[in-house]
Amino acid sequence: MTREEMDEIRRHFDGVADALSSNVRMVAEGHTLLRQEIGGLSGQVGHLEERLDRFEGEVKAMLRISFADLEQRVRVLETAMGDLAGRVVRLESVRS
């Protein structure tokens, strides 16, 4: 193999190495950008989880209040039913 052929092969492989290096650099930059995007998305997911936790707490508190109100209404109705049942018994005893 002549010196010229060796120089030609070397120039060819230098070009291939440069192209390969450029491609590796582009992949590395893309990887860095993806990591940054994933980091941003992770932060957003964390924020959403915090909001959901707060919302869950608020809903539970509202449900407790609603159930307490319903229990109070049921007690009032039960008392009224007891009073009505007592009246019915008295009325039926007066009729007999």
PDB file of N, CA and C in Angstrom:
ATOM      1  N   MET A   1       0.843  -1.164   0.000  1.00  0.00           N
ATOM      2  CA  MET A   1       0.000   0.000   0.000  1.00  0.00           C
ATOM      3  C   MET A   1       0.895   1.235   0.000  1.00  0.00           C
ATOM      4  N   THR A   2       0.548   2.186  -0.841  1.00  0.00           N
ATOM      5  CA  THR A   2       1.381   3.384  -0.976  1.00  0.00           C
ATOM      6  C   THR A   2       1.017   4.389   0.109  1.00  0.00           C
ATOM      7  N   ARG A   3       1.876   5.347   0.253  1.00  0.00           N
ATOM      8  CA  ARG A   3       1.678   6.414   1.251  1.00  0.00           C
ATOM      9  C   ARG A   3       0.412   7.207   0.923  1.00  0.00           C
ATOM     10  N   GLU A   4       0.187   7.444  -0.357  1.00  0.00           N
ATOM     11  CA  GLU A   4      -1.007   8.181  -0.784  1.00  0.00           C
ATOM     12  C   GLU A   4      -2.268   7.419  -0.417  1.00  0.00           C
ATOM     13  N   GLU A   5      -2.275   6.107  -0.606  1.00  0.00           N
ATOM     14  CA  GLU A   5      -3.451   5.300  -0.259  1.00  0.00           C
ATOM     15  C   GLU A   5      -3.693   5.316   1.252  1.00  0.00           C
ATOM     16  N   MET A   6      -2.615   5.246   2.000  1.00  0.00           N
ATOM     17  CA  MET A   6      -2.755   5.296   3.452  1.00  0.00           C
ATOM     18  C   MET A   6      -3.292   6.654   3.901  1.00  0.00           C
ATOM     19  N   ASP A   7      -2.791   7.719   3.276  1.00  0.00           N
ATOM     20  CA  ASP A   7      -3.287   9.060   3.612  1.00  0.00           C
ATOM     21  C   ASP A   7      -4.764   9.196   3.237  1.00  0.00           C
ATOM     22  N   GLU A   8      -5.147   8.624   2.112  1.00  0.00           N
ATOM     23  CA  GLU A   8      -6.549   8.663   1.661  1.00  0.00           C
ATOM     24  C   GLU A   8      -7.445   7.914   2.652  1.00  0.00           C
ATOM     25  N   ILE A   9      -6.990   6.738   3.084  1.00  0.00           N
ATOM     26  CA  ILE A   9      -7.767   5.951   4.055  1.00  0.00           C
ATOM     27  C   ILE A   9      -7.863   6.713   5.377  1.00  0.00           C
ATOM     28  N   ARG A  10      -6.763   7.331   5.768  1.00  0.00           N
ATOM     29  CA  ARG A  10      -6.768   8.089   7.029  1.00  0.00           C
ATOM     30  C   ARG A  10      -7.747   9.251   6.937  1.00  0.00           C
ATOM     31  N   ARG A  11      -7.742  10.003   5.836  1.00  0.00           N
ATOM     32  CA  ARG A  11      -8.682  11.124   5.665  1.00  0.00           C
ATOM     33  C   ARG A  11     -10.122  10.620   5.712  1.00  0.00           C
ATOM     34  N   HIS A  12     -10.357   9.475   5.064  1.00  0.00           N
ATOM     35  CA  HIS A  12     -11.705   8.905   5.058  1.00  0.00           C
ATOM     36  C   HIS A  12     -12.145   8.574   6.496  1.00  0.00           C
ATOM     37  N   PHE A  13     -11.301   7.896   7.250  1.00  0.00           N
ATOM     38  CA  PHE A  13     -11.668   7.522   8.616  1.00  0.00           C
ATOM     39  C   PHE A  13     -11.732   8.733   9.548  1.00  0.00           C
ATOM     40  N   ASP A  14     -10.926   9.747   9.289  1.00  0.00           N
ATOM     41  CA  ASP A  14     -11.055  10.992  10.064  1.00  0.00           C
ATOM     42  C   ASP A  14     -12.429  11.611   9.833  1.00  0.00           C
ATOM     43  N   GLY A  15     -12.897  11.590   8.581  1.00  0.00           N
ATOM     44  CA  GLY A  15     -14.239  12.099   8.270  1.00  0.00           C
ATOM     45  C   GLY A  15     -15.320  11.272   8.951  1.00  0.00           C
ATOM     46  N   VAL A  16     -15.168   9.960   8.913  1.00  0.00           N
ATOM     47  CA  VAL A  16     -16.134   9.073   9.576  1.00  0.00           C
ATOM     48  C   VAL A  16     -16.115   9.333  11.083  1.00  0.00           C
ATOM     49  N   ALA A  17     -14.937   9.474  11.661  1.00  0.00           N
ATOM     50  CA  ALA A  17     -14.821   9.722  13.100  1.00  0.00           C
ATOM     51  C   ALA A  17     -15.457  11.060  13.467  1.00  0.00           C
ATOM     52  N   ASP A  18     -15.264  12.094  12.646  1.00  0.00           N
ATOM     53  CA  ASP A  18     -15.889  13.395  12.908  1.00  0.00           C
ATOM     54  C   ASP A  18     -17.413  13.297  12.856  1.00  0.00           C
ATOM     55  N   ALA A  19     -17.915  12.601  11.847  1.00  0.00           N
ATOM     56  CA  ALA A  19     -19.362  12.438  11.716  1.00  0.00           C
ATOM     57  C   ALA A  19     -19.917  11.655  12.907  1.00  0.00           C
ATOM     58  N   LEU A  20     -19.216  10.614  13.284  1.00  0.00           N
ATOM     59  CA  LEU A  20     -19.651   9.804  14.424  1.00  0.00           C
ATOM     60  C   LEU A  20     -19.612  10.628  15.706  1.00  0.00           C
ATOM     61  N   SER A  21     -18.568  11.396  15.885  1.00  0.00           N
ATOM     62  CA  SER A  21     -18.446  12.263  17.060  1.00  0.00           C
ATOM     63  C   SER A  21     -19.589  13.278  17.104  1.00  0.00           C
ATOM     64  N   SER A  22     -19.919  13.833  15.957  1.00  0.00           N
ATOM     65  CA  SER A  22     -21.025  14.785  15.875  1.00  0.00           C
ATOM     66  C   SER A  22     -22.347  14.116  16.252  1.00  0.00           C
ATOM     67  N   ASN A  23     -22.551  12.911  15.754  1.00  0.00           N
ATOM     68  CA  ASN A  23     -23.779  12.177  16.091  1.00  0.00           C
ATOM     69  C   ASN A  23     -23.863  11.855  17.578  1.00  0.00           C
ATOM     70  N   VAL A  24     -22.744  11.460  18.157  1.00  0.00           N
ATOM     71  CA  VAL A  24     -22.713  11.162  19.592  1.00  0.00           C
ATOM     72  C   VAL A  24     -23.021  12.424  20.392  1.00  0.00           C
ATOM     73  N   ARG A  25     -22.479  13.549  19.967  1.00  0.00           N
ATOM     74  CA  ARG A  25     -22.725  14.824  20.639  1.00  0.00           C
ATOM     75  C   ARG A  25     -24.215  15.179  20.564  1.00  0.00           C
ATOM     76  N   MET A  26     -24.838  14.966  19.402  1.00  0.00           N
ATOM     77  CA  MET A  26     -26.269  15.267  19.252  1.00  0.00           C
ATOM     78  C   MET A  26     -27.113  14.366  20.161  1.00  0.00           C
ATOM     79  N   VAL A  27     -26.749  13.100  20.239  1.00  0.00           N
ATOM     80  CA  VAL A  27     -27.480  12.179  21.117  1.00  0.00           C
ATOM     81  C   VAL A  27     -27.315  12.608  22.572  1.00  0.00           C
ATOM     82  N   ALA A  28     -26.119  12.998  22.946  1.00  0.00           N
ATOM     83  CA  ALA A  28     -25.868  13.444  24.328  1.00  0.00           C
ATOM     84  C   ALA A  28     -26.678  14.701  24.639  1.00  0.00           C
ATOM     85  N   GLU A  29     -26.732  15.641  23.710  1.00  0.00           N
ATOM     86  CA  GLU A  29     -27.530  16.853  23.926  1.00  0.00           C
ATOM     87  C   GLU A  29     -29.009  16.510  24.041  1.00  0.00           C
ATOM     88  N   GLY A  30     -29.474  15.604  23.186  1.00  0.00           N
ATOM     89  CA  GLY A  30     -30.869  15.166  23.265  1.00  0.00           C
ATOM     90  C   GLY A  30     -31.162  14.501  24.599  1.00  0.00           C
ATOM     91  N   HIS A  31     -30.226  13.707  25.067  1.00  0.00           N
ATOM     92  CA  HIS A  31     -30.386  13.035  26.363  1.00  0.00           C
ATOM     93  C   HIS A  31     -30.470  14.073  27.484  1.00  0.00           C
ATOM     94  N   THR A  32     -29.632  15.083  27.425  1.00  0.00           N
ATOM     95  CA  THR A  32     -29.656  16.141  28.435  1.00  0.00           C
ATOM     96  C   THR A  32     -30.995  16.871  28.416  1.00  0.00           C
ATOM     97  N   LEU A  33     -31.479  17.195  27.235  1.00  0.00           N
ATOM     98  CA  LEU A  33     -32.776  17.873  27.131  1.00  0.00           C
ATOM     99  C   LEU A  33     -33.897  16.998  27.675  1.00  0.00           C
ATOM    100  N   LEU A  34     -33.864  15.722  27.370  1.00  0.00           N
ATOM    101  CA  LEU A  34     -34.891  14.814  27.885  1.00  0.00           C
ATOM    102  C   LEU A  34     -34.848  14.731  29.404  1.00  0.00           C
ATOM    103  N   ARG A  35     -33.660  14.683  29.966  1.00  0.00           N
ATOM    104  CA  ARG A  35     -33.540  14.648  31.432  1.00  0.00           C
ATOM    105  C   ARG A  35     -34.126  15.902  32.045  1.00  0.00           C
ATOM    106  N   GLN A  36     -33.873  17.061  31.418  1.00  0.00           N
ATOM    107  CA  GLN A  36     -34.434  18.312  31.927  1.00  0.00           C
ATOM    108  C   GLN A  36     -35.957  18.291  31.846  1.00  0.00           C
ATOM    109  N   GLU A  37     -36.493  17.803  30.741  1.00  0.00           N
ATOM    110  CA  GLU A  37     -37.947  17.719  30.576  1.00  0.00           C
ATOM    111  C   GLU A  37     -38.553  16.770  31.612  1.00  0.00           C
ATOM    112  N   ILE A  38     -37.896  15.640  31.813  1.00  0.00           N
ATOM    113  CA  ILE A  38     -38.394  14.676  32.800  1.00  0.00           C
ATOM    114  C   ILE A  38     -38.344  15.298  34.195  1.00  0.00           C
ATOM    115  N   GLY A  39     -37.291  16.033  34.490  1.00  0.00           N
ATOM    116  CA  GLY A  39     -37.201  16.715  35.782  1.00  0.00           C
ATOM    117  C   GLY A  39     -38.333  17.710  35.958  1.00  0.00           C
ATOM    118  N   GLY A  40     -38.643  18.448  34.913  1.00  0.00           N
ATOM    119  CA  GLY A  40     -39.750  19.401  34.975  1.00  0.00           C
ATOM    120  C   GLY A  40     -41.081  18.705  35.170  1.00  0.00           C
ATOM    121  N   LEU A  41     -41.264  17.605  34.455  1.00  0.00           N
ATOM    122  CA  LEU A  41     -42.506  16.842  34.597  1.00  0.00           C
ATOM    123  C   LEU A  41     -42.618  16.235  35.985  1.00  0.00           C
ATOM    124  N   SER A  42     -41.517  15.790  36.543  1.00  0.00           N
ATOM    125  CA  SER A  42     -41.533  15.231  37.889  1.00  0.00           C
ATOM    126  C   SER A  42     -41.971  16.297  38.896  1.00  0.00           C
ATOM    127  N   GLY A  43     -41.491  17.511  38.705  1.00  0.00           N
ATOM    128  CA  GLY A  43     -41.909  18.608  39.578  1.00  0.00           C
ATOM    129  C   GLY A  43     -43.390  18.889  39.458  1.00  0.00           C
ATOM    130  N   GLN A  44     -43.896  18.856  38.235  1.00  0.00           N
ATOM    131  CA  GLN A  44     -45.323  19.091  38.024  1.00  0.00           C
ATOM    132  C   GLN A  44     -46.161  17.981  38.643  1.00  0.00           C
ATOM    133  N   VAL A  45     -45.707  16.745  38.521  1.00  0.00           N
ATOM    134  CA  VAL A  45     -46.428  15.619  39.121  1.00  0.00           C
ATOM    135  C   VAL A  45     -46.442  15.779  40.643  1.00  0.00           C
ATOM    136  N   GLY A  46     -45.326  16.178  41.218  1.00  0.00           N
ATOM    137  CA  GLY A  46     -45.268  16.409  42.663  1.00  0.00           C
ATOM    138  C   GLY A  46     -46.249  17.482  43.093  1.00  0.00           C
ATOM    139  N   HIS A  47     -46.322  18.549  42.311  1.00  0.00           N
ATOM    140  CA  HIS A  47     -47.261  19.633  42.612  1.00  0.00           C
ATOM    141  C   HIS A  47     -48.701  19.129  42.526  1.00  0.00           C
ATOM    142  N   LEU A  48     -49.004  18.338  41.504  1.00  0.00           N
ATOM    143  CA  LEU A  48     -50.353  17.784  41.362  1.00  0.00           C
ATOM    144  C   LEU A  48     -50.689  16.840  42.516  1.00  0.00           C
ATOM    145  N   GLU A  49     -49.714  16.061  42.942  1.00  0.00           N
ATOM    146  CA  GLU A  49     -49.957  15.167  44.083  1.00  0.00           C
ATOM    147  C   GLU A  49     -50.280  15.965  45.332  1.00  0.00           C
ATOM    148  N   GLU A  50     -49.566  17.070  45.553  1.00  0.00           N
ATOM    149  CA  GLU A  50     -49.846  17.929  46.711  1.00  0.00           C
ATOM    150  C   GLU A  50     -51.259  18.491  46.629  1.00  0.00           C
ATOM    151  N   ARG A  51     -51.645  18.946  45.446  1.00  0.00           N
ATOM    152  CA  ARG A  51     -52.998  19.494  45.277  1.00  0.00           C
ATOM    153  C   ARG A  51     -54.061  18.426  45.507  1.00  0.00           C
ATOM    154  N   LEU A  52     -53.807  17.222  44.997  1.00  0.00           N
ATOM    155  CA  LEU A  52     -54.759  16.132  45.205  1.00  0.00           C
ATOM    156  C   LEU A  52     -54.873  15.765  46.685  1.00  0.00           C
ATOM    157  N   ASP A  53     -53.755  15.772  47.391  1.00  0.00           N
ATOM    158  CA  ASP A  53     -53.786  15.483  48.826  1.00  0.00           C
ATOM    159  C   ASP A  53     -54.614  16.531  49.567  1.00  0.00           C
ATOM    160  N   ARG A  54     -54.411  17.817  49.220  1.00  0.00           N
ATOM    161  CA  ARG A  54     -55.207  18.882  49.849  1.00  0.00           C
ATOM    162  C   ARG A  54     -56.678  18.718  49.518  1.00  0.00           C
ATOM    163  N   PHE A  55     -56.967  18.430  48.249  1.00  0.00           N
ATOM    164  CA  PHE A  55     -58.352  18.255  47.812  1.00  0.00           C
ATOM    165  C   PHE A  55     -58.999  17.083  48.554  1.00  0.00           C
ATOM    166  N   GLU A  56     -58.249  15.994  48.706  1.00  0.00           N
ATOM    167  CA  GLU A  56     -58.771  14.836  49.425  1.00  0.00           C
ATOM    168  C   GLU A  56     -59.113  15.209  50.860  1.00  0.00           C
ATOM    169  N   GLY A  57     -58.240  15.958  51.501  1.00  0.00           N
ATOM    170  CA  GLY A  57     -58.500  16.400  52.873  1.00  0.00           C
ATOM    171  C   GLY A  57     -59.736  17.278  52.955  1.00  0.00           C
ATOM    172  N   GLU A  58     -59.886  18.185  51.990  1.00  0.00           N
ATOM    173  CA  GLU A  58     -61.049  19.062  51.973  1.00  0.00           C
ATOM    174  C   GLU A  58     -62.333  18.271  51.761  1.00  0.00           C
ATOM    175  N   VAL A  59     -62.299  17.306  50.853  1.00  0.00           N
ATOM    176  CA  VAL A  59     -63.491  16.484  50.591  1.00  0.00           C
ATOM    177  C   VAL A  59     -63.857  15.674  51.831  1.00  0.00           C
ATOM    178  N   LYS A  60     -62.859  15.093  52.487  1.00  0.00           N
ATOM    179  CA  LYS A  60     -63.128  14.324  53.702  1.00  0.00           C
ATOM    180  C   LYS A  60     -63.748  15.208  54.777  1.00  0.00           C
ATOM    181  N   ALA A  61     -63.233  16.433  54.914  1.00  0.00           N
ATOM    182  CA  ALA A  61     -63.787  17.355  55.912  1.00  0.00           C
ATOM    183  C   ALA A  61     -65.233  17.699  55.574  1.00  0.00           C
ATOM    184  N   MET A  62     -65.505  17.951  54.290  1.00  0.00           N
ATOM    185  CA  MET A  62     -66.878  18.267  53.884  1.00  0.00           C
ATOM    186  C   MET A  62     -67.801  17.076  54.116  1.00  0.00           C
ATOM    187  N   LEU A  63     -67.320  15.873  53.858  1.00  0.00           N
ATOM    188  CA  LEU A  63     -68.136  14.687  54.094  1.00  0.00           C
ATOM    189  C   LEU A  63     -68.444  14.511  55.578  1.00  0.00           C
ATOM    190  N   ARG A  64     -67.447  14.758  56.432  1.00  0.00           N
ATOM    191  CA  ARG A  64     -67.690  14.653  57.867  1.00  0.00           C
ATOM    192  C   ARG A  64     -68.769  15.632  58.303  1.00  0.00           C
ATOM    193  N   ILE A  65     -68.691  16.859  57.800  1.00  0.00           N
ATOM    194  CA  ILE A  65     -69.691  17.875  58.133  1.00  0.00           C
ATOM    195  C   ILE A  65     -71.052  17.447  57.602  1.00  0.00           C
ATOM    196  N   SER A  66     -71.095  16.964  56.373  1.00  0.00           N
ATOM    197  CA  SER A  66     -72.366  16.532  55.784  1.00  0.00           C
ATOM    198  C   SER A  66     -72.971  15.377  56.563  1.00  0.00           C
ATOM    199  N   PHE A  67     -72.143  14.396  56.933  1.00  0.00           N
ATOM    200  CA  PHE A  67     -72.663  13.269  57.692  1.00  0.00           C
ATOM    201  C   PHE A  67     -73.142  13.714  59.067  1.00  0.00           C
ATOM    202  N   ALA A  68     -72.426  14.627  59.687  1.00  0.00           N
ATOM    203  CA  ALA A  68     -72.856  15.135  60.993  1.00  0.00           C
ATOM    204  C   ALA A  68     -74.205  15.832  60.856  1.00  0.00           C
ATOM    205  N   ASP A  69     -74.371  16.616  59.802  1.00  0.00           N
ATOM    206  CA  ASP A  69     -75.649  17.298  59.563  1.00  0.00           C
ATOM    207  C   ASP A  69     -76.763  16.283  59.312  1.00  0.00           C
ATOM    208  N   LEU A  70     -76.475  15.254  58.527  1.00  0.00           N
ATOM    209  CA  LEU A  70     -77.478  14.218  58.264  1.00  0.00           C
ATOM    210  C   LEU A  70     -77.850  13.467  59.537  1.00  0.00           C
ATOM    211  N   GLU A  71     -76.857  13.171  60.348  1.00  0.00           N
ATOM    212  CA  GLU A  71     -77.140  12.487  61.615  1.00  0.00           C
ATOM    213  C   GLU A  71     -78.057  13.329  62.484  1.00  0.00           C
ATOM    214  N   GLN A  72     -77.807  14.623  62.542  1.00  0.00           N
ATOM    215  CA  GLN A  72     -78.647  15.528  63.325  1.00  0.00           C
ATOM    216  C   GLN A  72     -80.079  15.522  62.777  1.00  0.00           C
ATOM    217  N   ARG A  73     -80.221  15.581  61.463  1.00  0.00           N
ATOM    218  CA  ARG A  73     -81.555  15.565  60.857  1.00  0.00           C
ATOM    219  C   ARG A  73     -82.277  14.255  61.152  1.00  0.00           C
ATOM    220  N   VAL A  74     -81.546  13.140  61.095  1.00  0.00           N
ATOM    221  CA  VAL A  74     -82.147  11.837  61.391  1.00  0.00           C
ATOM    222  C   VAL A  74     -82.616  11.806  62.841  1.00  0.00           C
ATOM    223  N   ARG A  75     -81.810  12.335  63.763  1.00  0.00           N
ATOM    224  CA  ARG A  75     -82.208  12.372  65.175  1.00  0.00           C
ATOM    225  C   ARG A  75     -83.496  13.178  65.360  1.00  0.00           C
ATOM    226  N   VAL A  76     -83.556  14.326  64.666  1.00  0.00           N
ATOM    227  CA  VAL A  76     -84.762  15.157  64.750  1.00  0.00           C
ATOM    228  C   VAL A  76     -85.963  14.382  64.216  1.00  0.00           C
ATOM    229  N   LEU A  77     -85.787  13.721  63.082  1.00  0.00           N
ATOM    230  CA  LEU A  77     -86.898  12.934  62.518  1.00  0.00           C
ATOM    231  C   LEU A  77     -87.291  11.776  63.439  1.00  0.00           C
ATOM    232  N   GLU A  78     -86.299  11.099  64.011  1.00  0.00           N
ATOM    233  CA  GLU A  78     -86.611  10.004  64.932  1.00  0.00           C
ATOM    234  C   GLU A  78     -87.385  10.507  66.139  1.00  0.00           C
ATOM    235  N   THR A  79     -86.992  11.667  66.670  1.00  0.00           N
ATOM    236  CA  THR A  79     -87.710  12.259  67.799  1.00  0.00           C
ATOM    237  C   THR A  79     -89.134  12.598  67.397  1.00  0.00           C
ATOM    238  N   ALA A  80     -89.285  13.208  66.225  1.00  0.00           N
ATOM    239  CA  ALA A  80     -90.623  13.560  65.745  1.00  0.00           C
ATOM    240  C   ALA A  80     -91.458  12.301  65.536  1.00  0.00           C
ATOM    241  N   MET A  81     -90.857  11.249  64.994  1.00  0.00           N
ATOM    242  CA  MET A  81     -91.587   9.994  64.797  1.00  0.00           C
ATOM    243  C   MET A  81     -92.001   9.401  66.139  1.00  0.00           C
ATOM    244  N   GLY A  82     -91.098   9.479  67.112  1.00  0.00           N
ATOM    245  CA  GLY A  82     -91.434   8.977  68.456  1.00  0.00           C
ATOM    246  C   GLY A  82     -92.592   9.756  69.047  1.00  0.00           C
ATOM    247  N   ASP A  83     -92.574  11.072  68.895  1.00  0.00           N
ATOM    248  CA  ASP A  83     -93.668  11.908  69.392  1.00  0.00           C
ATOM    249  C   ASP A  83     -94.968  11.548  68.694  1.00  0.00           C
ATOM    250  N   LEU A  84     -94.902  11.381  67.355  1.00  0.00           N
ATOM    251  CA  LEU A  84     -96.105  11.023  66.604  1.00  0.00           C
ATOM    252  C   LEU A  84     -96.621   9.645  67.022  1.00  0.00           C
ATOM    253  N   ALA A  85     -95.717   8.709  67.225  1.00  0.00           N
ATOM    254  CA  ALA A  85     -96.125   7.365  67.653  1.00  0.00           C
ATOM    255  C   ALA A  85     -96.799   7.445  69.013  1.00  0.00           C
ATOM    256  N   GLY A  86     -96.257   8.274  69.907  1.00  0.00           N
ATOM    257  CA  GLY A  86     -96.876   8.461  71.225  1.00  0.00           C
ATOM    258  C   GLY A  86     -98.261   9.056  71.108  1.00  0.00           C
ATOM    259  N   ARG A  87     -98.442  10.016  70.229  1.00  0.00           N
ATOM    260  CA  ARG A  87     -99.761  10.628  70.015  1.00  0.00           C
ATOM    261  C   ARG A  87    -100.749   9.596  69.477  1.00  0.00           C
ATOM    262  N   VAL A  88    -100.297   8.782  68.519  1.00  0.00           N
ATOM    263  CA  VAL A  88    -101.167   7.756  67.947  1.00  0.00           C
ATOM    264  C   VAL A  88    -101.622   6.801  69.047  1.00  0.00           C
ATOM    265  N   VAL A  89    -100.695   6.392  69.891  1.00  0.00           N
ATOM    266  CA  VAL A  89    -101.039   5.476  70.988  1.00  0.00           C
ATOM    267  C   VAL A  89    -102.060   6.135  71.903  1.00  0.00           C
ATOM    268  N   ARG A  90    -101.851   7.409  72.256  1.00  0.00           N
ATOM    269  CA  ARG A  90    -102.787   8.112  73.136  1.00  0.00           C
ATOM    270  C   ARG A  90    -104.155   8.252  72.480  1.00  0.00           C
ATOM    271  N   LEU A  91    -104.145   8.602  71.182  1.00  0.00           N
ATOM    272  CA  LEU A  91    -105.422   8.760  70.473  1.00  0.00           C
ATOM    273  C   LEU A  91    -106.167   7.427  70.391  1.00  0.00           C
ATOM    274  N   GLU A  92    -105.431   6.350  70.130  1.00  0.00           N
ATOM    275  CA  GLU A  92    -106.076   5.061  70.045  1.00  0.00           C
ATOM    276  C   GLU A  92    -106.595   4.617  71.394  1.00  0.00           C
ATOM    277  N   SER A  93    -105.911   4.958  72.472  1.00  0.00           N
ATOM    278  CA  SER A  93    -106.375   4.581  73.801  1.00  0.00           C
ATOM    279  C   SER A  93    -107.606   5.398  74.209  1.00  0.00           C
ATOM    280  N   VAL A  94    -107.671   6.653  73.720  1.00  0.00           N
ATOM    281  CA  VAL A  94    -108.835   7.496  74.023  1.00  0.00           C
ATOM    282  C   VAL A  94    -110.057   6.949  73.265  1.00  0.00           C
ATOM    283  N   ARG A  95    -109.878   6.472  72.066  1.00  0.00           N
ATOM    284  CA  ARG A  95    -110.974   5.943  71.246  1.00  0.00           C
ATOM    285  C   ARG A  95    -111.493   4.604  71.799  1.00  0.00           C
ATOM    286  N   SER A  96    -110.667   3.859  72.447  1.00  0.00           N
ATOM    287  CA  SER A  96    -111.098   2.553  72.906  1.00  0.00           C
ATOM    288  C   SER A  96    -111.870   2.595  74.184  1.00  0.00           C
TER     289      SER A  96
END
